[in-house]
Amino acid sequence: MNKEELLNGQLRLPVVAAPMFLISGPKLVTSCCKNGIVGTFPALNNRSTEGFDQWCTDIENELKEFETATGQKAVPYGVNLIVHHSNPRVEADLDICIKHKVPIIITSLGAVADLVDKVHAYGGMVFHDVINKRHAQKAVEAGVDGLICVSAGAGGHAGLLNPMPFVKEMRSFFDGIILLSGCISDGYDVASALQMGADLAYMGTRFINVSESRADEGYQKMIMESGTADIVYTAAVSGVNANFLRKSLEAMGITKEMWSIKGKIDFGKELDAAQAEAKAWKTIWSAGQGVASIDNVLPVSRLVDLLHKEFSAAIMAQKQLLEKYAATNV
């Protein structure tokens, strides 16, 4: 698969539902792919490599059944791999991705040329998370097909850059696929992302609040009750700055005075690093500033319908603006 095949293929909308730790699973992925957008999930959301293997099989079987029943082509799915020395499963999970020929691999915390080569060997694509130009240049050198520009206000491990100059700077040296992440919650935002020069909108927080999400009901309720002021950017949870819901931090005793802590809070020495991380993210909920636009929980099918309606309205509004200002300049 290449850029043209993905962008000019069966996508109903230029949207990727981002892989969210503990939140994304097979049900969410298949619902996205059947409704015309890219569904993804982190390999580590299953507790074992064997379980991850089964998830890939389940996803592929369901999508094949969908295609047989409807005559429609399902959108490709993707898997997120944490490429970091702290992830002991990365090689085993990569082998599973190769076995299944997973169409899209999303890498985080490391761009490795050898991994990219292995994915390209079976015809897959690699997208890499970046928060600045230095990270992006290393990823391009590794041969990735896409850069995920994680801008200010995004859920999870967000960056600090404004999306407009960020995307423009990436375009100055990269002609591959650019995905924009950060506060994209509706179809108008998707249109804005493309207007800035991105090829795809990368949506995370909005997909926490869908019926197929693995999120706790309390998590979804907190998102609906939150605004931009309720998002806290702190390294106190994992040692790396990320955005979290203020009320969930406070519920775990992480007060305002602790938000500026640079290192990771000790969640229990009896746990290994991976377990401690999972425990933290299970009770301290991540979200982006896009919560300000989210006030419901919808099935993926209805959400995609709504996004498409809003996206179409935004494009038509831009067309009307073009006609208006073109007329005044004659």
Protein backbone atom coordinates (compact mmCIF):
# COMPACT_ATOMS: atom_id res chain seq x y z
CA MET A 1 0.00 0.00 0.00
CA ASN A 2 1.25 3.49 -0.83
CA LYS A 3 0.13 7.07 -0.26
CA GLU A 4 -2.17 7.20 -3.26
CA GLU A 5 -3.82 3.87 -2.46
CA LEU A 6 -4.60 4.98 1.08
CA LEU A 7 -5.74 8.54 0.41
CA ASN A 8 -7.61 7.81 -2.82
CA GLY A 9 -8.97 4.42 -1.85
CA GLN A 10 -11.98 3.52 0.25
CA LEU A 11 -11.76 6.22 2.94
CA ARG A 12 -15.09 7.89 3.56
CA LEU A 13 -13.34 10.58 5.57
CA PRO A 14 -9.64 11.53 5.91
CA VAL A 15 -9.61 10.34 9.53
CA VAL A 16 -7.53 7.95 11.63
CA ALA A 17 -8.92 6.94 15.03
CA ALA A 18 -5.75 7.08 17.09
CA PRO A 19 -4.49 4.07 19.09
CA MET A 20 -5.25 4.82 22.74
CA PHE A 21 -3.66 2.96 25.63
CA LEU A 22 -6.25 0.77 27.41
CA ILE A 23 -9.08 2.30 25.31
CA SER A 24 -8.77 0.93 21.75
CA GLY A 25 -9.60 -2.70 21.03
CA PRO A 26 -10.88 -4.94 18.21
CA LYS A 27 -14.49 -3.73 18.51
CA LEU A 28 -13.50 -0.09 18.07
CA VAL A 29 -11.06 -0.91 15.27
CA THR A 30 -13.49 -2.97 13.18
CA SER A 31 -16.30 -0.45 13.65
CA CYS A 32 -14.04 2.30 12.32
CA CYS A 33 -12.80 0.27 9.35
CA LYS A 34 -16.34 -0.79 8.39
CA ASN A 35 -17.52 2.84 8.52
CA GLY A 36 -14.87 4.33 6.28
CA ILE A 37 -12.06 5.54 8.57
CA VAL A 38 -8.81 3.95 9.75
CA GLY A 39 -9.11 2.08 13.05
CA THR A 40 -6.01 1.43 15.15
CA PHE A 41 -4.98 0.00 18.52
CA PRO A 42 -1.78 -0.41 20.59
CA ALA A 43 -0.34 -3.94 20.60
CA LEU A 44 0.18 -3.55 24.35
CA ASN A 45 -3.56 -3.22 24.94
CA ASN A 46 -3.55 -6.99 24.96
CA ARG A 47 -1.54 -8.36 27.87
CA SER A 48 0.41 -10.91 25.82
CA THR A 49 1.89 -11.31 22.37
CA GLU A 50 -0.26 -14.43 21.92
CA GLY A 51 -3.37 -12.42 22.77
CA PHE A 52 -2.29 -9.66 20.39
CA ASP A 53 -1.92 -12.27 17.65
CA GLN A 54 -5.50 -13.42 18.31
CA TRP A 55 -6.79 -9.85 18.19
CA CYS A 56 -5.26 -9.38 14.73
CA THR A 57 -6.90 -12.62 13.58
CA ASP A 58 -10.26 -11.56 15.01
CA ILE A 59 -10.08 -8.14 13.33
CA GLU A 60 -9.16 -9.61 9.96
CA ASN A 61 -11.89 -12.25 10.12
CA GLU A 62 -14.56 -9.71 10.99
CA LEU A 63 -13.49 -7.35 8.22
CA LYS A 64 -13.48 -10.22 5.71
CA GLU A 65 -17.00 -11.20 6.80
CA PHE A 66 -18.09 -7.58 6.38
CA GLU A 67 -16.66 -7.42 2.87
CA THR A 68 -18.31 -10.70 1.88
CA ALA A 69 -21.70 -9.66 3.29
CA THR A 70 -21.75 -6.12 1.88
CA GLY A 71 -19.56 -6.21 -1.20
CA GLN A 72 -17.77 -3.17 0.22
CA LYS A 73 -14.05 -2.89 0.87
CA ALA A 74 -13.11 -2.29 4.50
CA VAL A 75 -10.59 0.43 5.31
CA PRO A 76 -7.13 -0.84 6.39
CA TYR A 77 -6.39 -1.10 10.11
CA GLY A 78 -3.27 -0.17 12.05
CA VAL A 79 -1.26 -1.24 15.09
CA ASN A 80 0.80 0.96 17.40
CA LEU A 81 4.20 -0.37 18.52
CA ILE A 82 6.16 1.31 21.31
CA VAL A 83 9.71 1.22 19.93
CA HIS A 84 11.64 1.76 23.14
CA HIS A 85 14.04 -0.29 25.28
CA SER A 86 11.44 -0.33 28.08
CA ASN A 87 9.09 -2.41 25.90
CA PRO A 88 10.30 -6.03 26.05
CA ARG A 89 7.63 -7.14 23.58
CA VAL A 90 8.51 -4.94 20.63
CA GLU A 91 10.34 -7.61 18.59
CA ALA A 92 7.79 -10.34 19.28
CA ASP A 93 4.90 -8.00 18.49
CA LEU A 94 6.61 -6.85 15.30
CA ASP A 95 6.86 -10.51 14.23
CA ILE A 96 3.09 -10.81 14.69
CA CYS A 97 2.56 -7.68 12.58
CA ILE A 98 4.72 -9.19 9.85
CA LYS A 99 2.84 -12.50 10.11
CA HIS A 100 -0.50 -10.70 9.61
CA LYS A 101 0.88 -8.12 7.17
CA VAL A 102 -0.74 -5.37 9.24
CA PRO A 103 -1.36 -2.57 6.70
CA ILE A 104 -0.33 0.37 8.92
CA ILE A 105 2.22 0.39 11.73
CA ILE A 106 2.30 3.42 14.03
CA THR A 107 5.57 3.78 15.92
CA SER A 108 6.16 5.79 19.08
CA LEU A 109 9.26 6.67 21.11
CA GLY A 110 11.71 5.65 18.41
CA ALA A 111 12.01 5.58 14.61
CA VAL A 112 14.02 2.51 13.57
CA ALA A 113 15.06 1.97 9.96
CA ASP A 114 15.23 -1.81 10.39
CA LEU A 115 11.60 -1.92 11.54
CA VAL A 116 10.53 0.30 8.64
CA ASP A 117 12.34 -1.97 6.17
CA LYS A 118 10.62 -5.07 7.57
CA VAL A 119 7.18 -3.46 7.25
CA HIS A 120 7.92 -2.20 3.74
CA ALA A 121 9.04 -5.72 2.76
CA TYR A 122 5.46 -7.01 3.04
CA GLY A 123 3.87 -3.85 1.62
CA GLY A 124 2.90 -2.09 4.84
CA MET A 125 3.24 1.55 5.78
CA VAL A 126 4.83 3.16 8.85
CA PHE A 127 3.60 6.35 10.50
CA HIS A 128 5.61 7.89 13.34
CA ASP A 129 4.60 10.19 16.21
CA VAL A 130 6.58 13.45 16.30
CA ILE A 131 6.39 16.58 18.45
CA ASN A 132 9.14 18.65 16.82
CA LYS A 133 11.34 19.00 13.74
CA ARG A 134 14.27 17.05 15.20
CA HIS A 135 12.09 13.99 15.84
CA ALA A 136 10.56 14.32 12.39
CA GLN A 137 13.90 14.49 10.59
CA LYS A 138 15.10 11.32 12.34
CA ALA A 139 11.88 9.56 11.32
CA VAL A 140 12.28 10.68 7.70
CA GLU A 141 15.86 9.38 7.71
CA ALA A 142 14.49 6.03 8.93
CA GLY A 143 12.23 5.93 5.85
CA VAL A 144 8.77 6.32 7.41
CA ASP A 145 5.77 6.88 5.14
CA GLY A 146 3.96 9.32 7.40
CA LEU A 147 4.56 11.83 10.19
CA ILE A 148 1.96 12.23 12.93
CA CYS A 149 2.29 15.84 14.09
CA VAL A 150 1.21 15.72 17.72
CA SER A 151 0.54 19.37 18.45
CA ALA A 152 -0.35 21.36 21.56
CA GLY A 153 -3.52 20.31 23.36
CA ALA A 154 -3.54 16.70 22.12
CA GLY A 155 -4.42 13.88 24.48
CA GLY A 156 -1.65 11.64 25.76
CA HIS A 157 1.98 12.59 25.17
CA ALA A 158 1.32 15.87 23.37
CA GLY A 159 3.80 18.41 22.07
CA LEU A 160 3.80 22.16 22.53
CA LEU A 161 3.74 23.42 18.94
CA ASN A 162 0.91 25.27 17.26
CA PRO A 163 -0.46 23.06 14.46
CA MET A 164 -0.26 25.69 11.69
CA PRO A 165 3.51 26.29 11.65
CA PHE A 166 4.13 22.68 12.69
CA VAL A 167 2.48 21.21 9.59
CA LYS A 168 4.00 23.86 7.34
CA GLU A 169 7.49 23.13 8.67
CA MET A 170 7.04 19.40 8.08
CA ARG A 171 5.90 20.07 4.51
CA SER A 172 9.13 22.01 3.88
CA PHE A 173 11.17 18.79 3.87
CA PHE A 174 8.68 15.88 3.73
CA ASP A 175 6.36 14.96 0.86
CA GLY A 176 4.88 11.85 2.46
CA ILE A 177 1.66 11.56 4.44
CA ILE A 178 1.17 14.11 7.20
CA LEU A 179 -1.34 13.41 9.95
CA LEU A 180 -2.35 16.18 12.34
CA SER A 181 -3.18 15.40 15.95
CA GLY A 182 -4.47 17.76 18.62
CA CYS A 183 -7.97 18.95 19.59
CA ILE A 184 -9.69 17.53 16.49
CA SER A 185 -13.20 16.69 17.68
CA ASP A 186 -15.62 17.29 14.81
CA GLY A 187 -15.86 17.41 11.04
CA TYR A 188 -15.12 21.13 10.94
CA ASP A 189 -11.80 20.41 12.68
CA VAL A 190 -11.05 17.68 10.13
CA ALA A 191 -11.57 20.18 7.31
CA SER A 192 -9.30 22.67 9.12
CA ALA A 193 -6.55 20.06 9.40
CA LEU A 194 -6.61 19.56 5.63
CA GLN A 195 -6.73 23.31 5.08
CA MET A 196 -3.47 23.57 7.06
CA GLY A 197 -1.80 21.07 4.75
CA ALA A 198 -2.32 17.74 6.51
CA ASP A 199 -3.50 14.67 4.58
CA LEU A 200 -5.31 13.02 7.48
CA ALA A 201 -6.83 14.06 10.79
CA TYR A 202 -5.68 11.96 13.74
CA MET A 203 -8.47 11.81 16.33
CA GLY A 204 -8.06 10.35 19.79
CA THR A 205 -10.13 11.94 22.54
CA ARG A 206 -13.31 12.02 20.45
CA PHE A 207 -13.11 8.21 20.11
CA ILE A 208 -12.93 7.68 23.85
CA ASN A 209 -16.59 8.69 23.84
CA VAL A 210 -17.97 6.07 21.48
CA SER A 211 -19.99 2.99 22.39
CA GLU A 212 -17.26 0.64 21.14
CA SER A 213 -14.58 2.23 23.33
CA ARG A 214 -13.14 0.27 26.27
CA ALA A 215 -13.31 3.41 28.42
CA ASP A 216 -15.00 3.43 31.81
CA GLU A 217 -18.39 5.19 31.90
CA GLY A 218 -16.98 7.54 34.52
CA TYR A 219 -14.18 8.44 32.10
CA GLN A 220 -16.65 9.27 29.35
CA LYS A 221 -18.80 11.29 31.76
CA MET A 222 -15.80 13.30 32.93
CA ILE A 223 -14.91 14.13 29.32
CA MET A 224 -18.43 15.45 28.71
CA GLU A 225 -18.23 17.58 31.86
CA SER A 226 -14.78 19.03 31.09
CA GLY A 227 -13.51 22.08 29.24
CA THR A 228 -10.09 23.30 28.15
CA ALA A 229 -9.27 24.49 31.68
CA ASP A 230 -9.71 20.93 32.96
CA ILE A 231 -6.77 19.57 30.94
CA VAL A 232 -3.45 19.42 32.78
CA TYR A 233 -0.09 18.98 31.04
CA THR A 234 2.21 17.15 33.44
CA ALA A 235 5.03 14.60 33.64
CA ALA A 236 3.95 13.45 37.11
CA VAL A 237 2.10 10.37 35.84
CA SER A 238 4.63 8.69 33.53
CA GLY A 239 7.77 10.82 33.63
CA VAL A 240 6.92 12.25 30.19
CA ASN A 241 4.66 15.26 29.77
CA ALA A 242 1.13 14.33 28.78
CA ASN A 243 -2.36 15.81 29.03
CA PHE A 244 -4.74 14.47 31.68
CA LEU A 245 -8.18 15.29 33.06
CA ARG A 246 -7.72 17.45 36.18
CA LYS A 247 -10.45 15.71 38.20
CA SER A 248 -8.86 12.30 37.66
CA LEU A 249 -5.48 13.63 38.84
CA GLU A 250 -7.07 15.12 41.94
CA ALA A 251 -8.95 11.88 42.66
CA MET A 252 -5.59 10.10 42.87
CA GLY A 253 -4.13 12.76 45.16
CA ILE A 254 -2.07 14.53 42.50
CA THR A 255 -2.61 18.16 43.46
CA LYS A 256 -1.78 21.36 41.60
CA GLU A 257 1.45 21.64 43.60
CA MET A 258 2.59 18.31 42.13
CA TRP A 259 1.81 19.04 38.46
CA SER A 260 5.22 20.61 37.86
CA ILE A 261 7.11 17.51 39.09
CA LYS A 262 9.55 16.46 36.37
CA GLY A 263 9.95 12.82 37.34
CA LYS A 264 7.43 10.03 37.56
CA ILE A 265 5.48 9.60 40.77
CA ASP A 266 6.09 6.23 42.45
CA PHE A 267 2.88 4.22 42.10
CA GLY A 268 4.18 1.22 44.02
CA LYS A 269 7.52 -0.52 44.12
CA GLU A 270 5.81 -3.91 44.11
CA LEU A 271 4.88 -3.39 40.47
CA ASP A 272 7.18 -3.65 37.49
CA ALA A 273 7.44 -0.66 35.15
CA ALA A 274 4.80 -1.84 32.68
CA GLN A 275 2.29 -2.71 35.41
CA ALA A 276 2.86 0.61 37.17
CA GLU A 277 2.26 2.48 33.92
CA ALA A 278 -0.96 0.58 33.25
CA LYS A 279 -2.15 1.16 36.80
CA ALA A 280 -1.50 4.89 36.48
CA TRP A 281 -3.27 5.28 33.15
CA LYS A 282 -6.20 3.14 34.26
CA THR A 283 -7.10 5.48 37.12
CA ILE A 284 -5.68 8.76 35.82
CA TRP A 285 -7.45 9.55 32.59
CA SER A 286 -5.82 11.19 29.60
CA ALA A 287 -7.66 13.54 27.23
CA GLY A 288 -6.95 16.51 24.99
CA GLN A 289 -8.33 20.03 25.00
CA GLY A 290 -10.85 18.86 22.41
CA VAL A 291 -13.03 17.76 25.35
CA ALA A 292 -14.57 21.21 25.13
CA SER A 293 -16.44 20.06 22.01
CA ILE A 294 -17.58 16.63 23.27
CA ASP A 295 -20.95 16.30 24.99
CA ASN A 296 -22.17 12.81 24.09
CA VAL A 297 -21.33 9.14 23.56
CA LEU A 298 -22.21 7.78 20.11
CA PRO A 299 -21.76 4.52 18.21
CA VAL A 300 -18.92 4.82 15.69
CA SER A 301 -21.39 4.60 12.79
CA ARG A 302 -23.35 7.62 14.00
CA LEU A 303 -20.21 9.57 14.85
CA VAL A 304 -18.76 9.03 11.38
CA ASP A 305 -22.08 10.11 9.82
CA LEU A 306 -21.97 13.28 11.92
CA LEU A 307 -18.31 13.94 11.11
CA HIS A 308 -19.05 13.53 7.40
CA LYS A 309 -21.98 15.96 7.59
CA GLU A 310 -19.87 18.55 9.43
CA PHE A 311 -16.88 18.03 7.12
CA SER A 312 -19.08 18.55 4.05
CA ALA A 313 -20.61 21.69 5.56
CA ALA A 314 -17.14 23.08 6.30
CA ILE A 315 -15.93 22.47 2.74
CA MET A 316 -19.05 24.10 1.30
CA ALA A 317 -18.56 27.11 3.59
CA GLN A 318 -14.99 27.44 2.32
CA LYS A 319 -16.26 27.31 -1.27
CA GLN A 320 -18.70 30.12 -0.52
CA LEU A 321 -15.92 32.19 1.06
CA LEU A 322 -13.76 31.66 -2.02
CA GLU A 323 -16.57 32.81 -4.29
CA LYS A 324 -17.24 35.83 -2.06
CA TYR A 325 -13.66 37.07 -1.97
CA ALA A 326 -12.93 36.15 -5.58
CA ALA A 327 -15.86 38.37 -6.59
CA THR A 328 -14.62 41.34 -4.54
CA ASN A 329 -11.18 41.16 -6.09
CA VAL A 330 -12.38 41.29 -9.69
